[in-house]
């Protein structure tokens, strides 16, 4: 069996165990009255199986992602990463033409400001 498949199966077992522990803690601490609700139900086994399986999907995925991310090689902080550094642009002022409009003076301008 390939190493990656073994890693995935191992991480899924760990995630499944975490999911069982999580649901057990939900029941033990009676979060939101969950244990009271499930213990008085006829479908307690079905509800518990649904909780464990849905949490197992999440925890298995997270556990596998953590395992994959930990496989990365550590970066060397002393060596440069390569490539060339981008030049710093030289900023020069550009002349902006100033366009001035002649001001109108008269009764129509004053009337617009009053309204």
PDB file of N, CA and C in Angstrom:
ATOM      1  N   UNK A   1       0.849  -1.172   0.000  1.00  0.00           N
ATOM      2  CA  UNK A   1       0.000   0.000   0.000  1.00  0.00           C
ATOM      3  C   UNK A   1       0.899   1.240   0.000  1.00  0.00           C
ATOM      4  N   UNK A   2       0.590   2.244  -0.802  1.00  0.00           N
ATOM      5  CA  UNK A   2       1.428   3.442  -0.846  1.00  0.00           C
ATOM      6  C   UNK A   2       1.445   4.183   0.497  1.00  0.00           C
ATOM      7  N   UNK A   3       2.529   4.880   0.719  1.00  0.00           N
ATOM      8  CA  UNK A   3       2.726   5.574   1.988  1.00  0.00           C
ATOM      9  C   UNK A   3       1.664   6.646   2.225  1.00  0.00           C
ATOM     10  N   UNK A   4       1.257   7.329   1.153  1.00  0.00           N
ATOM     11  CA  UNK A   4       0.264   8.391   1.298  1.00  0.00           C
ATOM     12  C   UNK A   4      -1.089   7.834   1.739  1.00  0.00           C
ATOM     13  N   UNK A   5      -1.455   6.667   1.220  1.00  0.00           N
ATOM     14  CA  UNK A   5      -2.729   6.045   1.608  1.00  0.00           C
ATOM     15  C   UNK A   5      -2.678   5.618   3.075  1.00  0.00           C
ATOM     16  N   UNK A   6      -1.540   5.063   3.488  1.00  0.00           N
ATOM     17  CA  UNK A   6      -1.394   4.691   4.906  1.00  0.00           C
ATOM     18  C   UNK A   6      -1.478   5.910   5.808  1.00  0.00           C
ATOM     19  N   UNK A   7      -0.862   7.005   5.363  1.00  0.00           N
ATOM     20  CA  UNK A   7      -0.922   8.245   6.134  1.00  0.00           C
ATOM     21  C   UNK A   7      -2.364   8.730   6.247  1.00  0.00           C
ATOM     22  N   UNK A   8      -3.107   8.679   5.152  1.00  0.00           N
ATOM     23  CA  UNK A   8      -4.494   9.128   5.161  1.00  0.00           C
ATOM     24  C   UNK A   8      -5.351   8.272   6.092  1.00  0.00           C
ATOM     25  N   UNK A   9      -5.193   6.967   6.020  1.00  0.00           N
ATOM     26  CA  UNK A   9      -5.988   6.072   6.867  1.00  0.00           C
ATOM     27  C   UNK A   9      -5.652   6.290   8.341  1.00  0.00           C
ATOM     28  N   UNK A  10      -4.370   6.453   8.627  1.00  0.00           N
ATOM     29  CA  UNK A  10      -3.948   6.688  10.011  1.00  0.00           C
ATOM     30  C   UNK A  10      -4.543   8.003  10.540  1.00  0.00           C
ATOM     31  N   UNK A  11      -4.505   9.051   9.726  1.00  0.00           N
ATOM     32  CA  UNK A  11      -5.052  10.332  10.158  1.00  0.00           C
ATOM     33  C   UNK A  11      -6.569  10.282  10.288  1.00  0.00           C
ATOM     34  N   UNK A  12      -7.225   9.469   9.458  1.00  0.00           N
ATOM     35  CA  UNK A  12      -8.677   9.310   9.581  1.00  0.00           C
ATOM     36  C   UNK A  12      -9.047   8.604  10.877  1.00  0.00           C
ATOM     37  N   UNK A  13      -8.270   7.620  11.279  1.00  0.00           N
ATOM     38  CA  UNK A  13      -8.525   6.966  12.565  1.00  0.00           C
ATOM     39  C   UNK A  13      -8.351   7.951  13.723  1.00  0.00           C
ATOM     40  N   UNK A  14      -7.331   8.776  13.641  1.00  0.00           N
ATOM     41  CA  UNK A  14      -7.110   9.782  14.684  1.00  0.00           C
ATOM     42  C   UNK A  14      -8.268  10.776  14.702  1.00  0.00           C
ATOM     43  N   UNK A  15      -8.691  11.250  13.529  1.00  0.00           N
ATOM     44  CA  UNK A  15      -9.819  12.181  13.451  1.00  0.00           C
ATOM     45  C   UNK A  15     -11.112  11.556  13.940  1.00  0.00           C
ATOM     46  N   UNK A  16     -11.308  10.280  13.658  1.00  0.00           N
ATOM     47  CA  UNK A  16     -12.506   9.578  14.137  1.00  0.00           C
ATOM     48  C   UNK A  16     -12.496   9.475  15.653  1.00  0.00           C
ATOM     49  N   UNK A  17     -11.325   9.208  16.228  1.00  0.00           N
ATOM     50  CA  UNK A  17     -11.201   9.172  17.692  1.00  0.00           C
ATOM     51  C   UNK A  17     -11.472  10.527  18.317  1.00  0.00           C
ATOM     52  N   UNK A  18     -10.991  11.588  17.680  1.00  0.00           N
ATOM     53  CA  UNK A  18     -11.258  12.934  18.179  1.00  0.00           C
ATOM     54  C   UNK A  18     -12.752  13.237  18.105  1.00  0.00           C
ATOM     55  N   UNK A  19     -13.414  12.788  17.042  1.00  0.00           N
ATOM     56  CA  UNK A  19     -14.855  13.020  16.899  1.00  0.00           C
ATOM     57  C   UNK A  19     -15.637  12.291  17.987  1.00  0.00           C
ATOM     58  N   UNK A  20     -15.234  11.076  18.304  1.00  0.00           N
ATOM     59  CA  UNK A  20     -15.912  10.326  19.372  1.00  0.00           C
ATOM     60  C   UNK A  20     -15.713  11.037  20.706  1.00  0.00           C
ATOM     61  N   UNK A  21     -14.497  11.509  20.961  1.00  0.00           N
ATOM     62  CA  UNK A  21     -14.233  12.232  22.199  1.00  0.00           C
ATOM     63  C   UNK A  21     -15.023  13.538  22.250  1.00  0.00           C
ATOM     64  N   UNK A  22     -15.141  14.213  21.112  1.00  0.00           N
ATOM     65  CA  UNK A  22     -15.876  15.478  21.054  1.00  0.00           C
ATOM     66  C   UNK A  22     -17.358  15.275  21.351  1.00  0.00           C
ATOM     67  N   UNK A  23     -17.959  14.272  20.733  1.00  0.00           N
ATOM     68  CA  UNK A  23     -19.375  13.995  20.987  1.00  0.00           C
ATOM     69  C   UNK A  23     -19.569  13.536  22.430  1.00  0.00           C
ATOM     70  N   UNK A  24     -18.622  12.763  22.946  1.00  0.00           N
ATOM     71  CA  UNK A  24     -18.692  12.357  24.350  1.00  0.00           C
ATOM     72  C   UNK A  24     -18.647  13.557  25.286  1.00  0.00           C
ATOM     73  N   UNK A  25     -17.805  14.543  24.956  1.00  0.00           N
ATOM     74  CA  UNK A  25     -17.756  15.745  25.789  1.00  0.00           C
ATOM     75  C   UNK A  25     -19.027  16.576  25.639  1.00  0.00           C
ATOM     76  N   UNK A  26     -19.599  16.600  24.431  1.00  0.00           N
ATOM     77  CA  UNK A  26     -20.880  17.291  24.260  1.00  0.00           C
ATOM     78  C   UNK A  26     -21.950  16.684  25.157  1.00  0.00           C
ATOM     79  N   UNK A  27     -21.974  15.365  25.209  1.00  0.00           N
ATOM     80  CA  UNK A  27     -22.950  14.689  26.061  1.00  0.00           C
ATOM     81  C   UNK A  27     -22.606  14.862  27.534  1.00  0.00           C
ATOM     82  N   UNK A  28     -21.336  14.769  27.896  1.00  0.00           N
ATOM     83  CA  UNK A  28     -20.926  14.827  29.302  1.00  0.00           C
ATOM     84  C   UNK A  28     -21.213  16.197  29.907  1.00  0.00           C
ATOM     85  N   UNK A  29     -20.954  17.263  29.154  1.00  0.00           N
ATOM     86  CA  UNK A  29     -21.182  18.607  29.683  1.00  0.00           C
ATOM     87  C   UNK A  29     -22.595  19.109  29.400  1.00  0.00           C
ATOM     88  N   UNK A  30     -23.386  18.297  28.710  1.00  0.00           N
ATOM     89  CA  UNK A  30     -24.791  18.600  28.404  1.00  0.00           C
ATOM     90  C   UNK A  30     -24.927  19.983  27.767  1.00  0.00           C
ATOM     91  N   UNK A  31     -24.136  20.201  26.721  1.00  0.00           N
ATOM     92  CA  UNK A  31     -24.141  21.479  26.021  1.00  0.00           C
ATOM     93  C   UNK A  31     -25.495  21.671  25.347  1.00  0.00           C
ATOM     94  N   UNK A  32     -26.157  22.760  25.683  1.00  0.00           N
ATOM     95  CA  UNK A  32     -27.457  23.069  25.083  1.00  0.00           C
ATOM     96  C   UNK A  32     -28.530  22.041  25.413  1.00  0.00           C
ATOM     97  N   UNK A  33     -28.358  21.299  26.487  1.00  0.00           N
ATOM     98  CA  UNK A  33     -29.340  20.283  26.854  1.00  0.00           C
ATOM     99  C   UNK A  33     -29.355  19.107  25.896  1.00  0.00           C
ATOM    100  N   UNK A  34     -28.211  18.861  25.231  1.00  0.00           N
ATOM    101  CA  UNK A  34     -28.157  17.818  24.207  1.00  0.00           C
ATOM    102  C   UNK A  34     -28.327  16.428  24.811  1.00  0.00           C
ATOM    103  N   UNK A  35     -27.660  16.154  25.933  1.00  0.00           N
ATOM    104  CA  UNK A  35     -27.773  14.832  26.544  1.00  0.00           C
ATOM    105  C   UNK A  35     -29.190  14.590  27.039  1.00  0.00           C
ATOM    106  N   UNK A  36     -29.809  15.612  27.608  1.00  0.00           N
ATOM    107  CA  UNK A  36     -31.186  15.467  28.083  1.00  0.00           C
ATOM    108  C   UNK A  36     -32.125  15.168  26.925  1.00  0.00           C
ATOM    109  N   UNK A  37     -31.882  15.811  25.795  1.00  0.00           N
ATOM    110  CA  UNK A  37     -32.728  15.607  24.628  1.00  0.00           C
ATOM    111  C   UNK A  37     -32.523  14.219  24.025  1.00  0.00           C
ATOM    112  N   UNK A  38     -31.271  13.790  23.903  1.00  0.00           N
ATOM    113  CA  UNK A  38     -30.974  12.501  23.276  1.00  0.00           C
ATOM    114  C   UNK A  38     -31.353  11.340  24.193  1.00  0.00           C
ATOM    115  N   UNK A  39     -31.152  11.493  25.489  1.00  0.00           N
ATOM    116  CA  UNK A  39     -31.426  10.368  26.394  1.00  0.00           C
ATOM    117  C   UNK A  39     -32.916  10.050  26.489  1.00  0.00           C
ATOM    118  N   UNK A  40     -33.777  11.011  26.213  1.00  0.00           N
ATOM    119  CA  UNK A  40     -35.220  10.762  26.269  1.00  0.00           C
ATOM    120  C   UNK A  40     -35.813  10.486  24.891  1.00  0.00           C
ATOM    121  N   UNK A  41     -34.959  10.272  23.894  1.00  0.00           N
ATOM    122  CA  UNK A  41     -35.442  10.038  22.541  1.00  0.00           C
ATOM    123  C   UNK A  41     -35.391   8.556  22.207  1.00  0.00           C
ATOM    124  N   UNK A  42     -36.248   8.135  21.273  1.00  0.00           N
ATOM    125  CA  UNK A  42     -36.237   6.745  20.817  1.00  0.00           C
ATOM    126  C   UNK A  42     -35.093   6.491  19.833  1.00  0.00           C
ATOM    127  N   UNK A  43     -34.642   7.516  19.145  1.00  0.00           N
ATOM    128  CA  UNK A  43     -33.580   7.374  18.146  1.00  0.00           C
ATOM    129  C   UNK A  43     -32.234   7.868  18.667  1.00  0.00           C
ATOM    130  N   UNK A  44     -31.900   7.562  19.893  1.00  0.00           N
ATOM    131  CA  UNK A  44     -30.657   8.055  20.490  1.00  0.00           C
ATOM    132  C   UNK A  44     -29.431   7.502  19.764  1.00  0.00           C
ATOM    133  N   UNK A  45     -29.500   6.248  19.347  1.00  0.00           N
ATOM    134  CA  UNK A  45     -28.357   5.642  18.653  1.00  0.00           C
ATOM    135  C   UNK A  45     -28.157   6.291  17.290  1.00  0.00           C
ATOM    136  N   UNK A  46     -29.236   6.551  16.594  1.00  0.00           N
ATOM    137  CA  UNK A  46     -29.151   7.187  15.286  1.00  0.00           C
ATOM    138  C   UNK A  46     -28.601   8.612  15.402  1.00  0.00           C
ATOM    139  N   UNK A  47     -29.077   9.349  16.389  1.00  0.00           N
ATOM    140  CA  UNK A  47     -28.599  10.724  16.585  1.00  0.00           C
ATOM    141  C   UNK A  47     -27.115  10.730  16.940  1.00  0.00           C
ATOM    142  N   UNK A  48     -26.706   9.822  17.805  1.00  0.00           N
ATOM    143  CA  UNK A  48     -25.300   9.751  18.191  1.00  0.00           C
ATOM    144  C   UNK A  48     -24.434   9.359  16.995  1.00  0.00           C
ATOM    145  N   UNK A  49     -24.905   8.411  16.191  1.00  0.00           N
ATOM    146  CA  UNK A  49     -24.141   8.012  15.000  1.00  0.00           C
ATOM    147  C   UNK A  49     -24.028   9.175  14.018  1.00  0.00           C
ATOM    148  N   UNK A  50     -25.096   9.930  13.845  1.00  0.00           N
ATOM    149  CA  UNK A  50     -25.039  11.077  12.940  1.00  0.00           C
ATOM    150  C   UNK A  50     -24.075  12.136  13.452  1.00  0.00           C
ATOM    151  N   UNK A  51     -24.081  12.397  14.742  1.00  0.00           N
ATOM    152  CA  UNK A  51     -23.155  13.375  15.314  1.00  0.00           C
ATOM    153  C   UNK A  51     -21.708  12.931  15.153  1.00  0.00           C
ATOM    154  N   UNK A  52     -21.454  11.653  15.440  1.00  0.00           N
ATOM    155  CA  UNK A  52     -20.080  11.154  15.344  1.00  0.00           C
ATOM    156  C   UNK A  52     -19.602  11.174  13.897  1.00  0.00           C
ATOM    157  N   UNK A  53     -20.423  10.734  12.962  1.00  0.00           N
ATOM    158  CA  UNK A  53     -19.996  10.672  11.560  1.00  0.00           C
ATOM    159  C   UNK A  53     -19.793  12.064  10.982  1.00  0.00           C
ATOM    160  N   UNK A  54     -20.709  12.994  11.267  1.00  0.00           N
ATOM    161  CA  UNK A  54     -20.536  14.342  10.714  1.00  0.00           C
ATOM    162  C   UNK A  54     -19.326  15.043  11.309  1.00  0.00           C
ATOM    163  N   UNK A  55     -19.072  14.854  12.584  1.00  0.00           N
ATOM    164  CA  UNK A  55     -17.864  15.436  13.178  1.00  0.00           C
ATOM    165  C   UNK A  55     -16.615  14.701  12.723  1.00  0.00           C
ATOM    166  N   UNK A  56     -16.716  13.411  12.464  1.00  0.00           N
ATOM    167  CA  UNK A  56     -15.564  12.648  11.988  1.00  0.00           C
ATOM    168  C   UNK A  56     -15.117  13.132  10.616  1.00  0.00           C
ATOM    169  N   UNK A  57     -16.061  13.486   9.766  1.00  0.00           N
ATOM    170  CA  UNK A  57     -15.695  14.012   8.443  1.00  0.00           C
ATOM    171  C   UNK A  57     -14.858  15.272   8.598  1.00  0.00           C
ATOM    172  N   UNK A  58     -15.292  16.156   9.478  1.00  0.00           N
ATOM    173  CA  UNK A  58     -14.567  17.410   9.686  1.00  0.00           C
ATOM    174  C   UNK A  58     -13.199  17.150  10.311  1.00  0.00           C
ATOM    175  N   UNK A  59     -13.175  16.381  11.388  1.00  0.00           N
ATOM    176  CA  UNK A  59     -11.920  16.171  12.103  1.00  0.00           C
ATOM    177  C   UNK A  59     -10.926  15.330  11.305  1.00  0.00           C
ATOM    178  N   UNK A  60     -11.402  14.401  10.491  1.00  0.00           N
ATOM    179  CA  UNK A  60     -10.492  13.629   9.636  1.00  0.00           C
ATOM    180  C   UNK A  60      -9.842  14.532   8.595  1.00  0.00           C
ATOM    181  N   UNK A  61     -10.630  15.398   8.001  1.00  0.00           N
ATOM    182  CA  UNK A  61     -10.077  16.331   7.013  1.00  0.00           C
ATOM    183  C   UNK A  61      -9.071  17.279   7.620  1.00  0.00           C
ATOM    184  N   UNK A  62      -9.377  17.806   8.783  1.00  0.00           N
ATOM    185  CA  UNK A  62      -8.451  18.727   9.446  1.00  0.00           C
ATOM    186  C   UNK A  62      -7.183  17.999   9.862  1.00  0.00           C
ATOM    187  N   UNK A  63      -7.324  16.813  10.391  1.00  0.00           N
ATOM    188  CA  UNK A  63      -6.161  16.048  10.837  1.00  0.00           C
ATOM    189  C   UNK A  63      -5.250  15.710   9.658  1.00  0.00           C
ATOM    190  N   UNK A  64      -5.825  15.341   8.528  1.00  0.00           N
ATOM    191  CA  UNK A  64      -5.015  15.030   7.352  1.00  0.00           C
ATOM    192  C   UNK A  64      -4.343  16.284   6.808  1.00  0.00           C
ATOM    193  N   UNK A  65      -5.061  17.405   6.818  1.00  0.00           N
ATOM    194  CA  UNK A  65      -4.462  18.658   6.345  1.00  0.00           C
ATOM    195  C   UNK A  65      -3.294  19.077   7.226  1.00  0.00           C
ATOM    196  N   UNK A  66      -3.428  18.917   8.520  1.00  0.00           N
ATOM    197  CA  UNK A  66      -2.321  19.252   9.429  1.00  0.00           C
ATOM    198  C   UNK A  66      -1.134  18.340   9.160  1.00  0.00           C
ATOM    199  N   UNK A  67      -1.395  17.056   8.952  1.00  0.00           N
ATOM    200  CA  UNK A  67      -0.303  16.112   8.682  1.00  0.00           C
ATOM    201  C   UNK A  67       0.420  16.458   7.382  1.00  0.00           C
ATOM    202  N   UNK A  68      -0.311  16.833   6.361  1.00  0.00           N
ATOM    203  CA  UNK A  68       0.303  17.195   5.080  1.00  0.00           C
ATOM    204  C   UNK A  68       1.116  18.479   5.226  1.00  0.00           C
ATOM    205  N   UNK A  69       0.567  19.465   5.923  1.00  0.00           N
ATOM    206  CA  UNK A  69       1.291  20.730   6.077  1.00  0.00           C
ATOM    207  C   UNK A  69       2.552  20.580   6.914  1.00  0.00           C
ATOM    208  N   UNK A  70       2.553  19.633   7.832  1.00  0.00           N
ATOM    209  CA  UNK A  70       3.753  19.418   8.645  1.00  0.00           C
ATOM    210  C   UNK A  70       4.856  18.703   7.867  1.00  0.00           C
ATOM    211  N   UNK A  71       4.533  18.154   6.704  1.00  0.00           N
ATOM    212  CA  UNK A  71       5.531  17.454   5.904  1.00  0.00           C
ATOM    213  C   UNK A  71       6.423  18.409   5.118  1.00  0.00           C
ATOM    214  N   UNK A  72       6.093  19.682   5.084  1.00  0.00           N
ATOM    215  CA  UNK A  72       6.876  20.646   4.319  1.00  0.00           C
ATOM    216  C   UNK A  72       8.280  20.771   4.901  1.00  0.00           C
ATOM    217  N   UNK A  73       9.228  21.046   4.024  1.00  0.00           N
ATOM    218  CA  UNK A  73      10.598  21.232   4.488  1.00  0.00           C
ATOM    219  C   UNK A  73      10.716  22.597   5.152  1.00  0.00           C
ATOM    220  N   UNK A  74      11.488  22.673   6.218  1.00  0.00           N
ATOM    221  CA  UNK A  74      11.641  23.974   6.880  1.00  0.00           C
ATOM    222  C   UNK A  74      12.414  24.943   5.990  1.00  0.00           C
ATOM    223  N   UNK A  75      12.021  26.201   6.052  1.00  0.00           N
ATOM    224  CA  UNK A  75      12.694  27.205   5.243  1.00  0.00           C
ATOM    225  C   UNK A  75      13.992  27.621   5.911  1.00  0.00           C
ATOM    226  N   UNK A  76      15.011  27.845   5.091  1.00  0.00           N
ATOM    227  CA  UNK A  76      16.267  28.363   5.616  1.00  0.00           C
ATOM    228  C   UNK A  76      16.150  29.875   5.671  1.00  0.00           C
ATOM    229  N   UNK A  77      16.316  30.431   6.856  1.00  0.00           N
ATOM    230  CA  UNK A  77      16.163  31.873   7.010  1.00  0.00           C
ATOM    231  C   UNK A  77      17.415  32.622   6.558  1.00  0.00           C
ATOM    232  N   UNK A  78      18.566  31.930   6.467  1.00  0.00           N
ATOM    233  CA  UNK A  78      19.818  32.604   6.152  1.00  0.00           C
ATOM    234  C   UNK A  78      20.045  32.775   4.659  1.00  0.00           C
ATOM    235  N   UNK A  79      19.446  31.934   3.843  1.00  0.00           N
ATOM    236  CA  UNK A  79      19.721  31.987   2.416  1.00  0.00           C
ATOM    237  C   UNK A  79      18.637  32.783   1.701  1.00  0.00           C
ATOM    238  N   UNK A  80      19.018  33.520   0.654  1.00  0.00           N
ATOM    239  CA  UNK A  80      17.992  34.240  -0.109  1.00  0.00           C
ATOM    240  C   UNK A  80      17.141  33.266  -0.913  1.00  0.00           C
ATOM    241  N   UNK A  81      15.952  33.663  -1.227  1.00  0.00           N
ATOM    242  CA  UNK A  81      15.032  32.788  -1.958  1.00  0.00           C
ATOM    243  C   UNK A  81      15.278  32.806  -3.450  1.00  0.00           C
ATOM    244  N   UNK A  82      16.181  33.604  -3.914  1.00  0.00           N
ATOM    245  CA  UNK A  82      16.466  33.648  -5.335  1.00  0.00           C
ATOM    246  C   UNK A  82      15.630  34.689  -6.039  1.00  0.00           C
ATOM    247  N   UNK A  83      15.878  34.840  -7.321  1.00  0.00           N
ATOM    248  CA  UNK A  83      15.141  35.829  -8.086  1.00  0.00           C
ATOM    249  C   UNK A  83      15.846  37.175  -8.035  1.00  0.00           C
ATOM    250  N   UNK A  84      15.310  38.116  -8.740  1.00  0.00           N
ATOM    251  CA  UNK A  84      15.883  39.453  -8.738  1.00  0.00           C
ATOM    252  C   UNK A  84      14.907  40.410  -8.085  1.00  0.00           C
ATOM    253  N   UNK A  85      15.468  41.348  -7.402  1.00  0.00           N
ATOM    254  CA  UNK A  85      14.650  42.320  -6.708  1.00  0.00           C
ATOM    255  C   UNK A  85      14.113  43.340  -7.713  1.00  0.00           C
ATOM    256  N   UNK A  86      12.887  43.697  -7.560  1.00  0.00           N
ATOM    257  CA  UNK A  86      12.270  44.664  -8.459  1.00  0.00           C
ATOM    258  C   UNK A  86      12.855  46.052  -8.200  1.00  0.00           C
ATOM    259  N   UNK A  87      13.048  46.796  -9.283  1.00  0.00           N
ATOM    260  CA  UNK A  87      13.582  48.142  -9.134  1.00  0.00           C
ATOM    261  C   UNK A  87      12.556  49.045  -8.470  1.00  0.00           C
ATOM    262  N   UNK A  88      13.059  49.959  -7.684  1.00  0.00           N
ATOM    263  CA  UNK A  88      12.197  50.952  -7.074  1.00  0.00           C
ATOM    264  C   UNK A  88      11.915  52.035  -8.110  1.00  0.00           C
ATOM    265  N   UNK A  89      10.667  52.316  -8.389  1.00  0.00           N
ATOM    266  CA  UNK A  89      10.379  53.324  -9.411  1.00  0.00           C
ATOM    267  C   UNK A  89      10.769  54.720  -8.922  1.00  0.00           C
ATOM    268  N   UNK A  90      11.299  55.498  -9.850  1.00  0.00           N
ATOM    269  CA  UNK A  90      11.645  56.875  -9.522  1.00  0.00           C
ATOM    270  C   UNK A  90      10.451  57.749  -9.880  1.00  0.00           C
ATOM    271  N   UNK A  91       9.977  58.410  -8.886  1.00  0.00           N
ATOM    272  CA  UNK A  91       8.811  59.256  -9.086  1.00  0.00           C
ATOM    273  C   UNK A  91       9.267  60.675  -9.400  1.00  0.00           C
ATOM    274  N   UNK A  92       8.730  61.218 -10.458  1.00  0.00           N
ATOM    275  CA  UNK A  92       9.056  62.579 -10.850  1.00  0.00           C
ATOM    276  C   UNK A  92       7.750  63.350 -10.983  1.00  0.00           C
ATOM    277  N   UNK A  93       7.781  64.594 -10.555  1.00  0.00           N
ATOM    278  CA  UNK A  93       6.548  65.372 -10.683  1.00  0.00           C
ATOM    279  C   UNK A  93       6.241  65.643 -12.146  1.00  0.00           C
ATOM    280  N   UNK A  94       5.002  65.508 -12.492  1.00  0.00           N
ATOM    281  CA  UNK A  94       4.600  65.794 -13.866  1.00  0.00           C
ATOM    282  C   UNK A  94       3.780  67.077 -13.861  1.00  0.00           C
ATOM    283  N   UNK A  95       4.014  67.940 -14.830  1.00  0.00           N
ATOM    284  CA  UNK A  95       3.271  69.195 -14.845  1.00  0.00           C
ATOM    285  C   UNK A  95       1.809  68.943 -15.212  1.00  0.00           C
ATOM    286  N   UNK A  96       0.936  69.498 -14.413  1.00  0.00           N
ATOM    287  CA  UNK A  96      -0.493  69.372 -14.656  1.00  0.00           C
ATOM    288  C   UNK A  96      -0.983  70.725 -15.135  1.00  0.00           C
ATOM    289  N   UNK A  97      -1.564  70.765 -16.300  1.00  0.00           N
ATOM    290  CA  UNK A  97      -2.040  72.068 -16.779  1.00  0.00           C
ATOM    291  C   UNK A  97      -3.220  72.551 -15.940  1.00  0.00           C
ATOM    292  N   UNK A  98      -3.163  73.801 -15.614  1.00  0.00           N
ATOM    293  CA  UNK A  98      -4.227  74.394 -14.820  1.00  0.00           C
ATOM    294  C   UNK A  98      -5.174  75.114 -15.765  1.00  0.00           C
ATOM    295  N   UNK A  99      -6.404  74.744 -15.740  1.00  0.00           N
ATOM    296  CA  UNK A  99      -7.411  75.374 -16.591  1.00  0.00           C
ATOM    297  C   UNK A  99      -8.303  76.202 -15.678  1.00  0.00           C
ATOM    298  N   UNK A 100      -8.317  77.449 -15.915  1.00  0.00           N
ATOM    299  CA  UNK A 100      -9.155  78.325 -15.095  1.00  0.00           C
ATOM    300  C   UNK A 100     -10.323  78.820 -15.926  1.00  0.00           C
ATOM    301  N   UNK A 101     -11.476  78.721 -15.355  1.00  0.00           N
ATOM    302  CA  UNK A 101     -12.668  79.214 -16.017  1.00  0.00           C
ATOM    303  C   UNK A 101     -12.959  80.625 -15.506  1.00  0.00           C
ATOM    304  N   UNK A 102     -13.345  81.439 -16.391  1.00  0.00           N
ATOM    305  CA  UNK A 102     -13.678  82.795 -15.934  1.00  0.00           C
ATOM    306  C   UNK A 102     -14.929  82.771 -15.069  1.00  0.00           C
ATOM    307  N   UNK A 103     -14.897  83.532 -14.000  1.00  0.00           N
ATOM    308  CA  UNK A 103     -16.036  83.592 -13.108  1.00  0.00           C
ATOM    309  C   UNK A 103     -17.092  84.529 -13.683  1.00  0.00           C
ATOM    310  N   UNK A 104     -18.303  84.092 -13.532  1.00  0.00           N
ATOM    311  CA  UNK A 104     -19.405  84.945 -13.961  1.00  0.00           C
ATOM    312  C   UNK A 104     -19.838  85.782 -12.766  1.00  0.00           C
ATOM    313  N   UNK A 105     -19.987  86.993 -13.020  1.00  0.00           N
ATOM    314  CA  UNK A 105     -20.501  87.869 -11.983  1.00  0.00           C
ATOM    315  C   UNK A 105     -21.760  88.526 -12.525  1.00  0.00           C
ATOM    316  N   UNK A 106     -22.738  88.424 -11.776  1.00  0.00           N
ATOM    317  CA  UNK A 106     -23.972  89.026 -12.241  1.00  0.00           C
ATOM    318  C   UNK A 106     -25.139  88.557 -11.413  1.00  0.00           C
ATOM    319  N   UNK A 107     -26.312  88.993 -11.745  1.00  0.00           N
ATOM    320  CA  UNK A 107     -27.496  88.670 -10.939  1.00  0.00           C
ATOM    321  C   UNK A 107     -27.901  87.199 -11.014  1.00  0.00           C
ATOM    322  N   UNK A 108     -27.655  86.539 -12.168  1.00  0.00           N
ATOM    323  CA  UNK A 108     -28.080  85.132 -12.272  1.00  0.00           C
ATOM    324  C   UNK A 108     -27.252  84.223 -11.357  1.00  0.00           C
ATOM    325  N   UNK A 109     -25.980  84.497 -11.123  1.00  0.00           N
ATOM    326  CA  UNK A 109     -25.150  83.699 -10.226  1.00  0.00           C
ATOM    327  C   UNK A 109     -25.576  83.881  -8.785  1.00  0.00           C
ATOM    328  N   UNK A 110     -25.913  85.101  -8.433  1.00  0.00           N
ATOM    329  CA  UNK A 110     -26.321  85.371  -7.071  1.00  0.00           C
ATOM    330  C   UNK A 110     -27.684  84.728  -6.780  1.00  0.00           C
ATOM    331  N   UNK A 111     -28.545  84.703  -7.771  1.00  0.00           N
ATOM    332  CA  UNK A 111     -29.862  84.109  -7.577  1.00  0.00           C
ATOM    333  C   UNK A 111     -29.764  82.592  -7.367  1.00  0.00           C
ATOM    334  N   UNK A 112     -28.835  81.930  -8.031  1.00  0.00           N
ATOM    335  CA  UNK A 112     -28.693  80.488  -7.858  1.00  0.00           C
ATOM    336  C   UNK A 112     -28.218  80.131  -6.462  1.00  0.00           C
ATOM    337  N   UNK A 113     -27.375  80.941  -5.870  1.00  0.00           N
ATOM    338  CA  UNK A 113     -26.891  80.658  -4.535  1.00  0.00           C
ATOM    339  C   UNK A 113     -27.949  80.914  -3.475  1.00  0.00           C
ATOM    340  N   UNK A 114     -28.880  81.754  -3.736  1.00  0.00           N
ATOM    341  CA  UNK A 114     -29.918  82.059  -2.759  1.00  0.00           C
ATOM    342  C   UNK A 114     -30.989  80.994  -2.710  1.00  0.00           C
ATOM    343  N   UNK A 115     -31.187  80.274  -3.792  1.00  0.00           N
ATOM    344  CA  UNK A 115     -32.280  79.317  -3.856  1.00  0.00           C
ATOM    345  C   UNK A 115     -31.920  78.032  -3.182  1.00  0.00           C
TER     346      UNK A 115
END
